[in-house]
Amino acid sequence: MCLFCDIVAGKIPSDKVYENEYVLCFNDINPVTPVHVLVVPKKHFDNINELASDPEGALYSAEITKAIAEAAKIKGISEGFRTINNCGEDGGQSVMHVHFHVLGGTKFTEKIV
């Protein structure tokens, strides 16, 4: 089982920010900005490509989008934040369970990297 599946199952504790039946949002243990929340679907998809090709992908994608907005609201950054998804090893994905980073609490520039 993967790290995020274990967190979703409650086998590994997390600092929850928001949760519904489809998605779990929790604070990253190694934040890169003052606010750094991970948004993880409760169903395992290896990456965004697998999410997009799954019959339930549209439902989970919609729930992920709603959860990103809700987590940003809860954390007080809804007026300005950045969302990042890394896809595959070449894209910098280190946990092979699709997830999104919600970053905020600082002013970003237009430059992505």
N, C-alpha and C. Protein backbone atom coordinates (compact mmCIF):
# COMPACT_ATOMS: atom_id res chain seq x y z
N MET A 1 0.85 -1.19 0.00
CA MET A 1 0.00 0.00 0.00
C MET A 1 0.89 1.25 0.00
N CYS A 2 0.41 2.34 -0.54
CA CYS A 2 1.22 3.54 -0.65
C CYS A 2 1.06 4.44 0.59
N LEU A 3 1.97 5.37 0.74
CA LEU A 3 1.98 6.29 1.87
C LEU A 3 0.65 7.02 2.02
N PHE A 4 0.14 7.59 0.91
CA PHE A 4 -1.10 8.36 1.01
C PHE A 4 -2.31 7.47 1.26
N CYS A 5 -2.30 6.25 0.75
CA CYS A 5 -3.38 5.31 1.07
C CYS A 5 -3.38 5.01 2.57
N ASP A 6 -2.20 4.87 3.16
CA ASP A 6 -2.10 4.63 4.60
C ASP A 6 -2.59 5.84 5.40
N ILE A 7 -2.31 7.04 4.93
CA ILE A 7 -2.81 8.25 5.60
C ILE A 7 -4.32 8.31 5.49
N VAL A 8 -4.86 8.07 4.30
CA VAL A 8 -6.32 8.07 4.10
C VAL A 8 -6.98 7.03 5.00
N ALA A 9 -6.36 5.86 5.15
CA ALA A 9 -6.91 4.78 5.97
C ALA A 9 -6.75 5.02 7.47
N GLY A 10 -6.01 6.07 7.84
CA GLY A 10 -5.79 6.37 9.25
C GLY A 10 -4.67 5.58 9.89
N LYS A 11 -3.91 4.83 9.10
CA LYS A 11 -2.79 4.05 9.62
C LYS A 11 -1.61 4.95 9.98
N ILE A 12 -1.52 6.08 9.30
CA ILE A 12 -0.50 7.08 9.57
C ILE A 12 -1.25 8.37 9.91
N PRO A 13 -0.93 9.00 11.04
CA PRO A 13 -1.66 10.22 11.40
C PRO A 13 -1.32 11.38 10.47
N SER A 14 -2.27 12.30 10.36
CA SER A 14 -2.06 13.52 9.57
C SER A 14 -2.75 14.67 10.27
N ASP A 15 -2.32 15.87 9.94
CA ASP A 15 -2.92 17.10 10.46
C ASP A 15 -3.99 17.53 9.45
N LYS A 16 -5.20 17.02 9.63
CA LYS A 16 -6.27 17.23 8.65
C LYS A 16 -6.71 18.68 8.59
N VAL A 17 -6.94 19.12 7.37
CA VAL A 17 -7.47 20.46 7.11
C VAL A 17 -8.93 20.36 6.68
N TYR A 18 -9.22 19.40 5.82
CA TYR A 18 -10.57 19.22 5.28
C TYR A 18 -10.70 17.78 4.81
N GLU A 19 -11.93 17.25 4.90
CA GLU A 19 -12.17 15.90 4.44
C GLU A 19 -13.63 15.75 4.02
N ASN A 20 -13.85 15.00 2.96
CA ASN A 20 -15.20 14.57 2.60
C ASN A 20 -15.10 13.11 2.17
N GLU A 21 -16.13 12.56 1.58
CA GLU A 21 -16.09 11.13 1.27
C GLU A 21 -15.12 10.78 0.13
N TYR A 22 -14.67 11.78 -0.63
CA TYR A 22 -13.80 11.54 -1.79
C TYR A 22 -12.35 11.99 -1.60
N VAL A 23 -12.13 12.96 -0.73
CA VAL A 23 -10.85 13.66 -0.68
C VAL A 23 -10.42 13.89 0.77
N LEU A 24 -9.12 13.84 1.00
CA LEU A 24 -8.53 14.22 2.28
C LEU A 24 -7.50 15.32 2.02
N CYS A 25 -7.58 16.38 2.80
CA CYS A 25 -6.61 17.48 2.73
C CYS A 25 -5.90 17.56 4.08
N PHE A 26 -4.58 17.64 4.03
CA PHE A 26 -3.82 17.71 5.28
C PHE A 26 -2.56 18.54 5.07
N ASN A 27 -2.05 19.07 6.18
CA ASN A 27 -0.85 19.89 6.12
C ASN A 27 0.36 19.02 5.79
N ASP A 28 1.19 19.51 4.87
CA ASP A 28 2.42 18.81 4.49
C ASP A 28 3.38 18.83 5.68
N ILE A 29 4.05 17.70 5.93
CA ILE A 29 4.99 17.65 7.06
C ILE A 29 6.30 18.38 6.77
N ASN A 30 6.55 18.69 5.50
CA ASN A 30 7.74 19.44 5.11
C ASN A 30 7.31 20.63 4.25
N PRO A 31 6.65 21.62 4.86
CA PRO A 31 6.11 22.73 4.06
C PRO A 31 7.20 23.56 3.39
N VAL A 32 6.90 24.02 2.16
CA VAL A 32 7.83 24.89 1.44
C VAL A 32 7.36 26.34 1.46
N THR A 33 6.15 26.58 1.95
CA THR A 33 5.60 27.91 2.13
C THR A 33 4.88 27.92 3.48
N PRO A 34 4.53 29.10 4.00
CA PRO A 34 3.83 29.13 5.29
C PRO A 34 2.57 28.27 5.33
N VAL A 35 1.85 28.18 4.22
CA VAL A 35 0.71 27.27 4.10
C VAL A 35 1.05 26.28 3.00
N HIS A 36 0.99 25.00 3.34
CA HIS A 36 1.29 23.95 2.36
C HIS A 36 0.40 22.76 2.69
N VAL A 37 -0.67 22.62 1.92
CA VAL A 37 -1.67 21.57 2.14
C VAL A 37 -1.60 20.59 0.98
N LEU A 38 -1.70 19.31 1.29
CA LEU A 38 -1.79 18.27 0.26
C LEU A 38 -3.24 17.86 0.12
N VAL A 39 -3.70 17.75 -1.12
CA VAL A 39 -5.05 17.33 -1.43
C VAL A 39 -4.95 15.98 -2.14
N VAL A 40 -5.54 14.96 -1.51
CA VAL A 40 -5.36 13.57 -1.95
C VAL A 40 -6.72 12.91 -2.13
N PRO A 41 -7.00 12.36 -3.31
CA PRO A 41 -8.25 11.59 -3.44
C PRO A 41 -8.16 10.33 -2.59
N LYS A 42 -9.28 9.93 -2.02
CA LYS A 42 -9.30 8.72 -1.19
C LYS A 42 -9.17 7.44 -2.02
N LYS A 43 -9.55 7.49 -3.27
CA LYS A 43 -9.33 6.36 -4.17
C LYS A 43 -7.93 6.51 -4.76
N HIS A 44 -7.21 5.41 -4.85
CA HIS A 44 -5.85 5.47 -5.38
C HIS A 44 -5.85 5.60 -6.90
N PHE A 45 -5.17 6.63 -7.36
CA PHE A 45 -4.82 6.81 -8.77
C PHE A 45 -3.33 7.10 -8.75
N ASP A 46 -2.55 6.43 -9.57
CA ASP A 46 -1.10 6.66 -9.56
C ASP A 46 -0.73 8.11 -9.86
N ASN A 47 -1.38 8.68 -10.86
CA ASN A 47 -1.03 10.04 -11.27
C ASN A 47 -2.22 10.66 -12.00
N ILE A 48 -2.04 11.87 -12.47
CA ILE A 48 -3.14 12.61 -13.10
C ILE A 48 -3.58 11.93 -14.40
N ASN A 49 -2.67 11.26 -15.09
CA ASN A 49 -3.05 10.54 -16.31
C ASN A 49 -4.01 9.41 -16.00
N GLU A 50 -3.74 8.67 -14.93
CA GLU A 50 -4.63 7.58 -14.52
C GLU A 50 -5.97 8.13 -14.04
N LEU A 51 -5.93 9.24 -13.31
CA LEU A 51 -7.16 9.89 -12.86
C LEU A 51 -8.03 10.27 -14.06
N ALA A 52 -7.41 10.85 -15.08
CA ALA A 52 -8.15 11.31 -16.26
C ALA A 52 -8.75 10.16 -17.06
N SER A 53 -8.13 9.00 -17.02
CA SER A 53 -8.62 7.87 -17.83
C SER A 53 -9.58 6.95 -17.07
N ASP A 54 -9.74 7.15 -15.79
CA ASP A 54 -10.61 6.30 -14.98
C ASP A 54 -12.08 6.70 -15.16
N PRO A 55 -13.00 5.75 -15.19
CA PRO A 55 -14.43 6.09 -15.32
C PRO A 55 -14.94 7.03 -14.22
N GLU A 56 -14.34 6.97 -13.04
CA GLU A 56 -14.73 7.87 -11.95
C GLU A 56 -13.88 9.13 -11.89
N GLY A 57 -12.99 9.29 -12.84
CA GLY A 57 -12.06 10.41 -12.83
C GLY A 57 -12.72 11.78 -12.80
N ALA A 58 -13.79 11.95 -13.56
CA ALA A 58 -14.46 13.26 -13.59
C ALA A 58 -15.04 13.61 -12.23
N LEU A 59 -15.64 12.63 -11.57
CA LEU A 59 -16.18 12.86 -10.23
C LEU A 59 -15.07 13.25 -9.26
N TYR A 60 -13.99 12.48 -9.25
CA TYR A 60 -12.88 12.78 -8.34
C TYR A 60 -12.21 14.10 -8.68
N SER A 61 -12.09 14.41 -9.95
CA SER A 61 -11.50 15.69 -10.34
C SER A 61 -12.33 16.86 -9.82
N ALA A 62 -13.64 16.75 -9.93
CA ALA A 62 -14.53 17.80 -9.42
C ALA A 62 -14.40 17.92 -7.91
N GLU A 63 -14.34 16.80 -7.21
CA GLU A 63 -14.21 16.83 -5.75
C GLU A 63 -12.86 17.39 -5.33
N ILE A 64 -11.81 17.07 -6.07
CA ILE A 64 -10.49 17.63 -5.78
C ILE A 64 -10.51 19.14 -5.93
N THR A 65 -11.12 19.62 -7.00
CA THR A 65 -11.19 21.07 -7.24
C THR A 65 -11.94 21.76 -6.11
N LYS A 66 -13.07 21.20 -5.69
CA LYS A 66 -13.83 21.78 -4.57
C LYS A 66 -13.01 21.75 -3.29
N ALA A 67 -12.29 20.66 -3.06
CA ALA A 67 -11.49 20.53 -1.85
C ALA A 67 -10.33 21.52 -1.82
N ILE A 68 -9.72 21.77 -2.97
CA ILE A 68 -8.65 22.78 -3.04
C ILE A 68 -9.19 24.13 -2.60
N ALA A 69 -10.34 24.51 -3.14
CA ALA A 69 -10.94 25.80 -2.78
C ALA A 69 -11.31 25.84 -1.30
N GLU A 70 -11.85 24.76 -0.78
CA GLU A 70 -12.24 24.71 0.63
C GLU A 70 -11.02 24.77 1.55
N ALA A 71 -9.97 24.03 1.21
CA ALA A 71 -8.74 24.07 2.01
C ALA A 71 -8.13 25.46 2.02
N ALA A 72 -8.12 26.12 0.86
CA ALA A 72 -7.59 27.49 0.79
C ALA A 72 -8.42 28.43 1.66
N LYS A 73 -9.73 28.26 1.64
CA LYS A 73 -10.61 29.09 2.48
C LYS A 73 -10.32 28.84 3.96
N ILE A 74 -10.25 27.58 4.36
CA ILE A 74 -10.00 27.22 5.76
C ILE A 74 -8.66 27.79 6.23
N LYS A 75 -7.66 27.73 5.38
CA LYS A 75 -6.32 28.20 5.75
C LYS A 75 -6.13 29.71 5.58
N GLY A 76 -7.17 30.41 5.11
CA GLY A 76 -7.12 31.86 5.00
C GLY A 76 -6.33 32.38 3.82
N ILE A 77 -6.21 31.59 2.76
CA ILE A 77 -5.43 32.01 1.60
C ILE A 77 -6.27 32.03 0.32
N SER A 78 -7.59 32.04 0.45
CA SER A 78 -8.44 31.91 -0.73
C SER A 78 -8.29 33.06 -1.72
N GLU A 79 -7.74 34.17 -1.29
CA GLU A 79 -7.54 35.31 -2.20
C GLU A 79 -6.28 35.18 -3.04
N GLY A 80 -5.42 34.22 -2.71
CA GLY A 80 -4.20 34.05 -3.49
C GLY A 80 -3.41 32.83 -3.07
N PHE A 81 -3.31 31.86 -3.94
CA PHE A 81 -2.55 30.64 -3.65
C PHE A 81 -2.12 30.02 -4.96
N ARG A 82 -1.26 29.03 -4.85
CA ARG A 82 -0.77 28.29 -6.02
C ARG A 82 -1.08 26.81 -5.80
N THR A 83 -1.52 26.15 -6.86
CA THR A 83 -1.77 24.71 -6.81
C THR A 83 -0.84 24.02 -7.79
N ILE A 84 -0.17 22.97 -7.31
CA ILE A 84 0.80 22.25 -8.13
C ILE A 84 0.50 20.76 -8.10
N ASN A 85 0.61 20.12 -9.26
CA ASN A 85 0.55 18.66 -9.36
C ASN A 85 1.78 18.21 -10.13
N ASN A 86 2.52 17.29 -9.54
CA ASN A 86 3.66 16.69 -10.22
C ASN A 86 3.20 15.34 -10.78
N CYS A 87 3.51 15.08 -12.05
CA CYS A 87 3.06 13.84 -12.69
C CYS A 87 4.24 13.03 -13.16
N GLY A 88 4.40 11.86 -12.55
CA GLY A 88 5.47 10.95 -12.94
C GLY A 88 6.82 11.35 -12.40
N GLU A 89 7.74 10.41 -12.46
CA GLU A 89 9.07 10.64 -11.93
C GLU A 89 9.75 11.83 -12.59
N ASP A 90 9.64 11.95 -13.92
CA ASP A 90 10.26 13.08 -14.62
C ASP A 90 9.61 14.41 -14.26
N GLY A 91 8.37 14.36 -13.80
CA GLY A 91 7.67 15.57 -13.37
C GLY A 91 7.87 15.90 -11.90
N GLY A 92 8.69 15.10 -11.22
CA GLY A 92 8.99 15.37 -9.82
C GLY A 92 8.05 14.71 -8.82
N GLN A 93 7.23 13.78 -9.29
CA GLN A 93 6.30 13.10 -8.38
C GLN A 93 7.07 12.09 -7.54
N SER A 94 7.01 12.24 -6.21
CA SER A 94 7.75 11.34 -5.32
C SER A 94 6.86 10.29 -4.66
N VAL A 95 5.57 10.57 -4.52
CA VAL A 95 4.61 9.59 -4.00
C VAL A 95 3.67 9.28 -5.15
N MET A 96 3.64 8.02 -5.56
CA MET A 96 2.85 7.65 -6.73
C MET A 96 1.37 7.41 -6.38
N HIS A 97 0.78 8.47 -5.87
CA HIS A 97 -0.66 8.57 -5.60
C HIS A 97 -0.96 10.02 -5.97
N VAL A 98 -1.81 10.23 -6.95
CA VAL A 98 -2.05 11.60 -7.42
C VAL A 98 -2.37 12.51 -6.24
N HIS A 99 -1.78 13.70 -6.22
CA HIS A 99 -2.03 14.66 -5.16
C HIS A 99 -1.69 16.05 -5.66
N PHE A 100 -2.23 17.02 -4.96
CA PHE A 100 -2.06 18.41 -5.33
C PHE A 100 -1.54 19.18 -4.13
N HIS A 101 -0.57 20.05 -4.38
CA HIS A 101 -0.02 20.91 -3.36
C HIS A 101 -0.74 22.25 -3.44
N VAL A 102 -1.27 22.72 -2.33
CA VAL A 102 -1.88 24.04 -2.25
C VAL A 102 -0.92 24.88 -1.41
N LEU A 103 -0.31 25.87 -2.06
CA LEU A 103 0.72 26.69 -1.43
C LEU A 103 0.24 28.12 -1.26
N GLY A 104 0.58 28.71 -0.13
CA GLY A 104 0.18 30.10 0.09
C GLY A 104 0.81 30.66 1.35
N GLY A 105 0.29 31.82 1.74
CA GLY A 105 0.84 32.51 2.90
C GLY A 105 2.04 33.35 2.56
N THR A 106 2.30 33.50 1.27
CA THR A 106 3.41 34.32 0.77
C THR A 106 2.97 34.87 -0.58
N LYS A 107 3.61 35.93 -1.01
CA LYS A 107 3.28 36.49 -2.33
C LYS A 107 4.15 35.83 -3.38
N PHE A 108 3.50 35.25 -4.38
CA PHE A 108 4.21 34.61 -5.48
C PHE A 108 4.38 35.59 -6.63
N THR A 109 5.33 35.32 -7.49
CA THR A 109 5.47 36.06 -8.73
C THR A 109 4.87 35.21 -9.85
N GLU A 110 4.88 35.74 -11.06
CA GLU A 110 4.38 34.97 -12.20
C GLU A 110 5.31 33.83 -12.56
N LYS A 111 6.55 33.92 -12.15
CA LYS A 111 7.54 32.89 -12.49
C LYS A 111 7.16 31.60 -11.76
N ILE A 112 7.07 30.51 -12.50
CA ILE A 112 6.68 29.23 -11.92
C ILE A 112 7.85 28.55 -11.22
N VAL A 113 8.99 28.49 -11.85
CA VAL A 113 10.18 27.85 -11.24
C VAL A 113 11.37 28.77 -11.32
